Amino acid sequence: MLKNTLELILETYPDESFLKADGFDDAVVGFEDRSMRLIYSTIECIRILQVEGMTYEDAIEHFYYNVQGGYVGELTPIWCNDLF
């Protein structure tokens, strides 16, 4: 079975404490190596919300307000704006 990017990162850096966004493991595209913050693809997060049953418009609103809009400390994930 192929591992997703998050699994590879956690396996490679087992002693790091990465802060994960619940439900978006498949949207991880990498990490910032100075702060050790995970980087998530915005478009993939929105796709995941759509797969869970949201319309595109609802997924965008939910993502920007409830997911990206939350600050949970210095390890808050980075959101890659790849909506082009």
C-alpha atoms as a PDB file:
ATOM      1  CA  MET A   1       0.000   0.000   0.000  1.00  0.00           C
ATOM      2  CA  LEU A   2       1.302   3.446  -0.905  1.00  0.00           C
ATOM      3  CA  LYS A   3       1.847   5.897   1.927  1.00  0.00           C
ATOM      4  CA  ASN A   4       0.528   9.446   1.727  1.00  0.00           C
ATOM      5  CA  THR A   5       2.792  12.446   2.246  1.00  0.00           C
ATOM      6  CA  LEU A   6       1.796  12.857   5.890  1.00  0.00           C
ATOM      7  CA  GLU A   7       2.665   9.247   6.702  1.00  0.00           C
ATOM      8  CA  LEU A   8       6.077   9.662   5.075  1.00  0.00           C
ATOM      9  CA  ILE A   9       6.759  12.872   7.012  1.00  0.00           C
ATOM     10  CA  LEU A  10       5.749  11.318  10.348  1.00  0.00           C
ATOM     11  CA  GLU A  11       7.854   8.235   9.619  1.00  0.00           C
ATOM     12  CA  THR A  12      10.891  10.333   8.677  1.00  0.00           C
ATOM     13  CA  TYR A  13      10.597  12.702  11.663  1.00  0.00           C
ATOM     14  CA  PRO A  14       9.226  10.539  14.498  1.00  0.00           C
ATOM     15  CA  ASP A  15      10.454  12.869  17.251  1.00  0.00           C
ATOM     16  CA  GLU A  16       8.692  15.986  15.881  1.00  0.00           C
ATOM     17  CA  SER A  17       5.278  17.137  17.097  1.00  0.00           C
ATOM     18  CA  PHE A  18       3.397  18.143  13.978  1.00  0.00           C
ATOM     19  CA  LEU A  19      -0.025  19.737  14.421  1.00  0.00           C
ATOM     20  CA  LYS A  20      -2.480  18.043  12.062  1.00  0.00           C
ATOM     21  CA  ALA A  21      -5.787  19.338  10.718  1.00  0.00           C
ATOM     22  CA  ASP A  22      -8.367  16.625  11.441  1.00  0.00           C
ATOM     23  CA  GLY A  23      -9.736  14.934   8.350  1.00  0.00           C
ATOM     24  CA  PHE A  24      -7.247  16.416   5.915  1.00  0.00           C
ATOM     25  CA  ASP A  25      -4.364  13.929   6.039  1.00  0.00           C
ATOM     26  CA  ASP A  26      -4.517  13.377   2.270  1.00  0.00           C
ATOM     27  CA  ALA A  27      -4.180  17.131   1.644  1.00  0.00           C
ATOM     28  CA  VAL A  28      -0.670  17.402   3.167  1.00  0.00           C
ATOM     29  CA  VAL A  29       1.848  18.438   0.514  1.00  0.00           C
ATOM     30  CA  GLY A  30       4.897  18.922   2.731  1.00  0.00           C
ATOM     31  CA  PHE A  31       6.234  20.836   5.715  1.00  0.00           C
ATOM     32  CA  GLU A  32       8.186  23.992   6.458  1.00  0.00           C
ATOM     33  CA  ASP A  33      11.528  22.826   7.789  1.00  0.00           C
ATOM     34  CA  ARG A  34      12.312  25.726  10.120  1.00  0.00           C
ATOM     35  CA  SER A  35       9.099  25.727  12.118  1.00  0.00           C
ATOM     36  CA  MET A  36       8.178  22.093  11.343  1.00  0.00           C
ATOM     37  CA  ARG A  37       4.664  23.156  10.355  1.00  0.00           C
ATOM     38  CA  LEU A  38       2.679  20.981   7.967  1.00  0.00           C
ATOM     39  CA  ILE A  39       1.630  22.472   4.631  1.00  0.00           C
ATOM     40  CA  TYR A  40      -1.808  21.628   3.240  1.00  0.00           C
ATOM     41  CA  SER A  41      -3.179  22.064  -0.279  1.00  0.00           C
ATOM     42  CA  THR A  42      -6.223  24.344  -0.163  1.00  0.00           C
ATOM     43  CA  ILE A  43      -7.758  22.804  -3.280  1.00  0.00           C
ATOM     44  CA  GLU A  44      -7.334  19.297  -1.860  1.00  0.00           C
ATOM     45  CA  CYS A  45      -8.941  20.316   1.454  1.00  0.00           C
ATOM     46  CA  ILE A  46     -11.931  21.697  -0.440  1.00  0.00           C
ATOM     47  CA  ARG A  47     -12.131  18.505  -2.523  1.00  0.00           C
ATOM     48  CA  ILE A  48     -12.160  16.427   0.675  1.00  0.00           C
ATOM     49  CA  LEU A  49     -15.040  18.513   2.042  1.00  0.00           C
ATOM     50  CA  GLN A  50     -16.941  17.988  -1.225  1.00  0.00           C
ATOM     51  CA  VAL A  51     -16.403  14.212  -1.036  1.00  0.00           C
ATOM     52  CA  GLU A  52     -17.926  14.392   2.451  1.00  0.00           C
ATOM     53  CA  GLY A  53     -21.068  15.890   0.887  1.00  0.00           C
ATOM     54  CA  MET A  54     -20.636  19.667   0.782  1.00  0.00           C
ATOM     55  CA  THR A  55     -21.285  21.719  -2.326  1.00  0.00           C
ATOM     56  CA  TYR A  56     -18.280  23.559  -3.757  1.00  0.00           C
ATOM     57  CA  GLU A  57     -19.546  26.874  -2.362  1.00  0.00           C
ATOM     58  CA  ASP A  58     -20.231  25.404   1.092  1.00  0.00           C
ATOM     59  CA  ALA A  59     -16.842  23.688   1.124  1.00  0.00           C
ATOM     60  CA  ILE A  60     -15.053  26.956   0.324  1.00  0.00           C
ATOM     61  CA  GLU A  61     -16.955  28.846   3.018  1.00  0.00           C
ATOM     62  CA  HIS A  62     -16.394  26.105   5.598  1.00  0.00           C
ATOM     63  CA  PHE A  63     -12.701  25.811   4.757  1.00  0.00           C
ATOM     64  CA  TYR A  64     -11.903  29.522   4.945  1.00  0.00           C
ATOM     65  CA  TYR A  65     -13.970  30.196   8.064  1.00  0.00           C
ATOM     66  CA  ASN A  66     -13.579  27.026  10.127  1.00  0.00           C
ATOM     67  CA  VAL A  67     -10.320  25.458   8.962  1.00  0.00           C
ATOM     68  CA  GLN A  68      -7.930  28.094   7.647  1.00  0.00           C
ATOM     69  CA  GLY A  69      -9.414  30.784   9.890  1.00  0.00           C
ATOM     70  CA  GLY A  70      -8.427  29.029  13.094  1.00  0.00           C
ATOM     71  CA  TYR A  71      -5.161  29.852  14.837  1.00  0.00           C
ATOM     72  CA  VAL A  72      -4.066  27.137  17.254  1.00  0.00           C
ATOM     73  CA  GLY A  73      -0.608  28.313  18.221  1.00  0.00           C
ATOM     74  CA  GLU A  74       2.815  28.491  16.652  1.00  0.00           C
ATOM     75  CA  LEU A  75       2.428  25.086  14.979  1.00  0.00           C
ATOM     76  CA  THR A  76      -0.758  26.111  13.150  1.00  0.00           C
ATOM     77  CA  PRO A  77      -0.537  24.491   9.702  1.00  0.00           C
ATOM     78  CA  ILE A  78       0.348  26.466   6.597  1.00  0.00           C
ATOM     79  CA  TRP A  79      -2.304  26.566   3.866  1.00  0.00           C
ATOM     80  CA  CYS A  80      -0.932  26.563   0.325  1.00  0.00           C
ATOM     81  CA  ASN A  81      -3.223  28.730  -1.794  1.00  0.00           C
ATOM     82  CA  ASP A  82      -3.329  26.587  -4.935  1.00  0.00           C
ATOM     83  CA  LEU A  83      -6.810  27.611  -6.120  1.00  0.00           C
ATOM     84  CA  PHE A  84      -5.999  28.712  -9.663  1.00  0.00           C
END
